[in-house]
Every structure is written in structure tokens, then in C-alpha cells.
Amino acid sequence: MLVVLADGLAHTRKELHACLPDELGSQRNVRAHLVRMRKKLRPNGEDIVCELKDRSPHYRHVRLLASAVNGKR
């Protein structure tokens, strides 16, 4: 799933679901995988954001800007 998101473009839940090994699983499984990936990406200054596009959620891999307050993110 992260390979698909690596292009920085917005992807639908259906596109991300196609990356999962169980094609019979619910599209809700995508959310569980995103939660796990976000936990690993955020400490590295990256995240997966959800955008509403054409009335449906799309997900995009982004790099976070550095914070002027603490210098970490």
C-alpha cells in the first residue's frame, strides 16, 4: 500500500484495497492498515492524510513541515 501512496497522488480506498492480500476482505481493512502505517511514518516526519475529492475519501502520503516551536517536526 505504501508503494502505491509513494507517488504523492491521492488514491481511493478501492485502489488501496487492491494492494491487500485478501481481496474478499472489507474495504474497512484499509483503515486498519493506514492506522498502523501512520504510527510508523509520523515519527519520521511523514503522514497519510485523508482528502475529500469527488465526494469520496482519497488518501495521500505527505511529508510534514518542520515545527518552529520544537524543531522536531
N, C-alpha and C. Protein backbone atom coordinates (compact mmCIF):
# COMPACT_ATOMS: atom_id res chain seq x y z
N MET A 1 0.82 -1.18 0.00
CA MET A 1 0.00 0.00 0.00
C MET A 1 0.88 1.26 0.00
N LEU A 2 1.96 1.21 0.74
CA LEU A 2 2.85 2.37 0.79
C LEU A 2 3.52 2.62 -0.55
N VAL A 3 3.75 1.57 -1.31
CA VAL A 3 4.34 1.72 -2.64
C VAL A 3 3.38 2.50 -3.55
N VAL A 4 2.10 2.22 -3.46
CA VAL A 4 1.10 2.94 -4.26
C VAL A 4 1.04 4.39 -3.82
N LEU A 5 1.08 4.64 -2.52
CA LEU A 5 0.99 6.00 -1.99
C LEU A 5 2.28 6.80 -2.20
N ALA A 6 3.37 6.15 -2.51
CA ALA A 6 4.67 6.81 -2.63
C ALA A 6 4.73 7.86 -3.73
N ASP A 7 3.80 7.81 -4.69
CA ASP A 7 3.83 8.80 -5.77
C ASP A 7 3.33 10.18 -5.34
N GLY A 8 2.76 10.27 -4.11
CA GLY A 8 2.30 11.56 -3.61
C GLY A 8 0.95 11.99 -4.14
N LEU A 9 0.32 11.16 -4.96
CA LEU A 9 -1.00 11.48 -5.50
C LEU A 9 -2.09 10.92 -4.60
N ALA A 10 -3.30 11.44 -4.74
CA ALA A 10 -4.43 10.97 -3.96
C ALA A 10 -4.97 9.67 -4.55
N HIS A 11 -5.22 8.68 -3.68
CA HIS A 11 -5.71 7.38 -4.13
C HIS A 11 -6.98 7.02 -3.37
N THR A 12 -7.89 6.34 -4.05
CA THR A 12 -9.15 5.94 -3.44
C THR A 12 -8.94 4.74 -2.52
N ARG A 13 -9.93 4.52 -1.68
CA ARG A 13 -9.91 3.37 -0.79
C ARG A 13 -9.90 2.08 -1.62
N LYS A 14 -10.59 2.10 -2.75
CA LYS A 14 -10.65 0.93 -3.63
C LYS A 14 -9.26 0.59 -4.18
N GLU A 15 -8.50 1.61 -4.57
CA GLU A 15 -7.14 1.39 -5.07
C GLU A 15 -6.25 0.78 -4.00
N LEU A 16 -6.39 1.29 -2.77
CA LEU A 16 -5.57 0.78 -1.67
C LEU A 16 -6.01 -0.63 -1.27
N HIS A 17 -7.30 -0.89 -1.36
CA HIS A 17 -7.81 -2.22 -1.04
C HIS A 17 -7.23 -3.27 -1.98
N ALA A 18 -7.00 -2.90 -3.22
CA ALA A 18 -6.43 -3.83 -4.20
C ALA A 18 -5.02 -4.26 -3.82
N CYS A 19 -4.35 -3.51 -2.96
CA CYS A 19 -2.99 -3.86 -2.52
C CYS A 19 -2.98 -4.94 -1.45
N LEU A 20 -4.10 -5.15 -0.79
CA LEU A 20 -4.16 -6.11 0.31
C LEU A 20 -4.21 -7.54 -0.22
N PRO A 21 -3.64 -8.48 0.53
CA PRO A 21 -3.60 -9.87 0.06
C PRO A 21 -4.97 -10.56 0.04
N ASP A 22 -5.92 -10.09 0.85
CA ASP A 22 -7.25 -10.72 0.92
C ASP A 22 -8.26 -9.88 0.14
N GLU A 23 -8.49 -10.24 -1.12
CA GLU A 23 -9.40 -9.47 -1.96
C GLU A 23 -10.85 -9.60 -1.52
N LEU A 24 -11.17 -10.60 -0.69
CA LEU A 24 -12.53 -10.78 -0.21
C LEU A 24 -12.80 -9.99 1.07
N GLY A 25 -11.77 -9.42 1.65
CA GLY A 25 -11.91 -8.64 2.87
C GLY A 25 -12.62 -7.32 2.59
N SER A 26 -13.15 -6.75 3.64
CA SER A 26 -13.87 -5.48 3.55
C SER A 26 -12.91 -4.33 3.26
N GLN A 27 -13.45 -3.25 2.69
CA GLN A 27 -12.63 -2.06 2.47
C GLN A 27 -12.29 -1.38 3.79
N ARG A 28 -12.95 -1.78 4.88
CA ARG A 28 -12.60 -1.26 6.20
C ARG A 28 -11.20 -1.71 6.62
N ASN A 29 -10.73 -2.81 6.04
CA ASN A 29 -9.37 -3.28 6.34
C ASN A 29 -8.33 -2.25 5.97
N VAL A 30 -8.63 -1.42 4.99
CA VAL A 30 -7.70 -0.37 4.56
C VAL A 30 -7.44 0.57 5.72
N ARG A 31 -8.48 0.92 6.45
CA ARG A 31 -8.33 1.84 7.58
C ARG A 31 -7.38 1.28 8.64
N ALA A 32 -7.52 -0.01 8.93
CA ALA A 32 -6.64 -0.63 9.93
C ALA A 32 -5.17 -0.58 9.48
N HIS A 33 -4.93 -0.82 8.22
CA HIS A 33 -3.56 -0.76 7.70
C HIS A 33 -3.03 0.68 7.73
N LEU A 34 -3.88 1.65 7.41
CA LEU A 34 -3.46 3.05 7.43
C LEU A 34 -3.07 3.48 8.84
N VAL A 35 -3.83 3.03 9.83
CA VAL A 35 -3.53 3.38 11.22
C VAL A 35 -2.13 2.87 11.59
N ARG A 36 -1.83 1.63 11.23
CA ARG A 36 -0.51 1.06 11.54
C ARG A 36 0.61 1.79 10.80
N MET A 37 0.36 2.13 9.54
CA MET A 37 1.39 2.83 8.77
C MET A 37 1.63 4.23 9.31
N ARG A 38 0.57 4.92 9.71
CA ARG A 38 0.72 6.27 10.26
C ARG A 38 1.57 6.26 11.52
N LYS A 39 1.40 5.25 12.37
CA LYS A 39 2.19 5.16 13.61
C LYS A 39 3.69 5.08 13.31
N LYS A 40 4.04 4.46 12.20
CA LYS A 40 5.46 4.33 11.83
C LYS A 40 5.96 5.53 11.05
N LEU A 41 5.09 6.18 10.30
CA LEU A 41 5.51 7.31 9.46
C LEU A 41 5.65 8.61 10.25
N ARG A 42 4.76 8.88 11.18
CA ARG A 42 4.75 10.17 11.89
C ARG A 42 6.04 10.49 12.61
N PRO A 43 6.68 9.56 13.30
CA PRO A 43 7.96 9.89 13.94
C PRO A 43 9.04 10.29 12.93
N ASN A 44 8.88 9.91 11.68
CA ASN A 44 9.85 10.24 10.63
C ASN A 44 9.47 11.50 9.85
N GLY A 45 8.45 12.22 10.33
CA GLY A 45 8.05 13.46 9.65
C GLY A 45 7.20 13.23 8.41
N GLU A 46 6.51 12.12 8.34
CA GLU A 46 5.64 11.80 7.22
C GLU A 46 4.27 11.42 7.75
N ASP A 47 3.27 11.42 6.88
CA ASP A 47 1.92 11.05 7.29
C ASP A 47 1.11 10.65 6.07
N ILE A 48 -0.03 10.05 6.32
CA ILE A 48 -1.01 9.75 5.27
C ILE A 48 -2.24 10.55 5.62
N VAL A 49 -2.61 11.47 4.75
CA VAL A 49 -3.76 12.33 5.01
C VAL A 49 -4.94 11.89 4.17
N CYS A 50 -6.12 12.19 4.69
CA CYS A 50 -7.36 11.87 4.00
C CYS A 50 -7.91 13.16 3.42
N GLU A 51 -8.26 13.13 2.14
CA GLU A 51 -8.83 14.30 1.46
C GLU A 51 -10.17 13.90 0.87
N LEU A 52 -11.11 14.82 0.88
CA LEU A 52 -12.39 14.57 0.24
C LEU A 52 -12.32 15.10 -1.18
N LYS A 53 -12.47 14.20 -2.14
CA LYS A 53 -12.35 14.55 -3.55
C LYS A 53 -13.46 13.83 -4.29
N ASP A 54 -14.25 14.57 -5.04
CA ASP A 54 -15.39 13.99 -5.77
C ASP A 54 -16.32 13.23 -4.82
N ARG A 55 -16.53 13.77 -3.64
CA ARG A 55 -17.42 13.20 -2.62
C ARG A 55 -17.01 11.83 -2.11
N SER A 56 -15.74 11.52 -2.21
CA SER A 56 -15.24 10.26 -1.65
C SER A 56 -13.86 10.50 -1.06
N PRO A 57 -13.52 9.71 -0.03
CA PRO A 57 -12.22 9.90 0.62
C PRO A 57 -11.08 9.39 -0.26
N HIS A 58 -10.03 10.17 -0.31
CA HIS A 58 -8.80 9.80 -1.02
C HIS A 58 -7.65 9.96 -0.03
N TYR A 59 -6.64 9.13 -0.18
CA TYR A 59 -5.50 9.14 0.74
C TYR A 59 -4.23 9.50 0.01
N ARG A 60 -3.40 10.32 0.69
CA ARG A 60 -2.16 10.82 0.09
C ARG A 60 -1.03 10.74 1.11
N HIS A 61 0.13 10.30 0.67
CA HIS A 61 1.33 10.25 1.51
C HIS A 61 2.02 11.61 1.42
N VAL A 62 2.27 12.24 2.56
CA VAL A 62 2.87 13.58 2.58
C VAL A 62 4.04 13.63 3.56
N ARG A 63 4.90 14.61 3.33
CA ARG A 63 5.96 14.92 4.29
C ARG A 63 5.49 16.12 5.11
N LEU A 64 5.72 16.08 6.41
CA LEU A 64 5.28 17.14 7.29
C LEU A 64 6.34 18.24 7.36
N LEU A 65 5.89 19.46 7.53
CA LEU A 65 6.81 20.59 7.66
C LEU A 65 7.42 20.60 9.06
N ALA A 66 8.62 21.10 9.17
CA ALA A 66 9.28 21.20 10.47
C ALA A 66 8.60 22.28 11.30
N SER A 67 8.49 22.03 12.59
CA SER A 67 7.86 22.95 13.50
C SER A 67 8.87 23.98 14.00
N ALA A 68 8.48 25.24 14.02
CA ALA A 68 9.35 26.30 14.53
C ALA A 68 9.41 26.25 16.05
N VAL A 69 8.46 25.56 16.67
CA VAL A 69 8.38 25.51 18.14
C VAL A 69 9.37 24.55 18.73
N ASN A 70 9.39 23.31 18.26
CA ASN A 70 10.26 22.33 18.89
C ASN A 70 11.37 21.80 17.99
N GLY A 71 11.37 22.15 16.74
CA GLY A 71 12.43 21.76 15.84
C GLY A 71 12.43 20.31 15.40
N LYS A 72 11.50 19.52 15.90
CA LYS A 72 11.44 18.11 15.55
C LYS A 72 10.60 17.87 14.30
N ARG A 73 9.44 18.50 14.22
CA ARG A 73 8.54 18.31 13.09
C ARG A 73 7.97 19.63 12.68
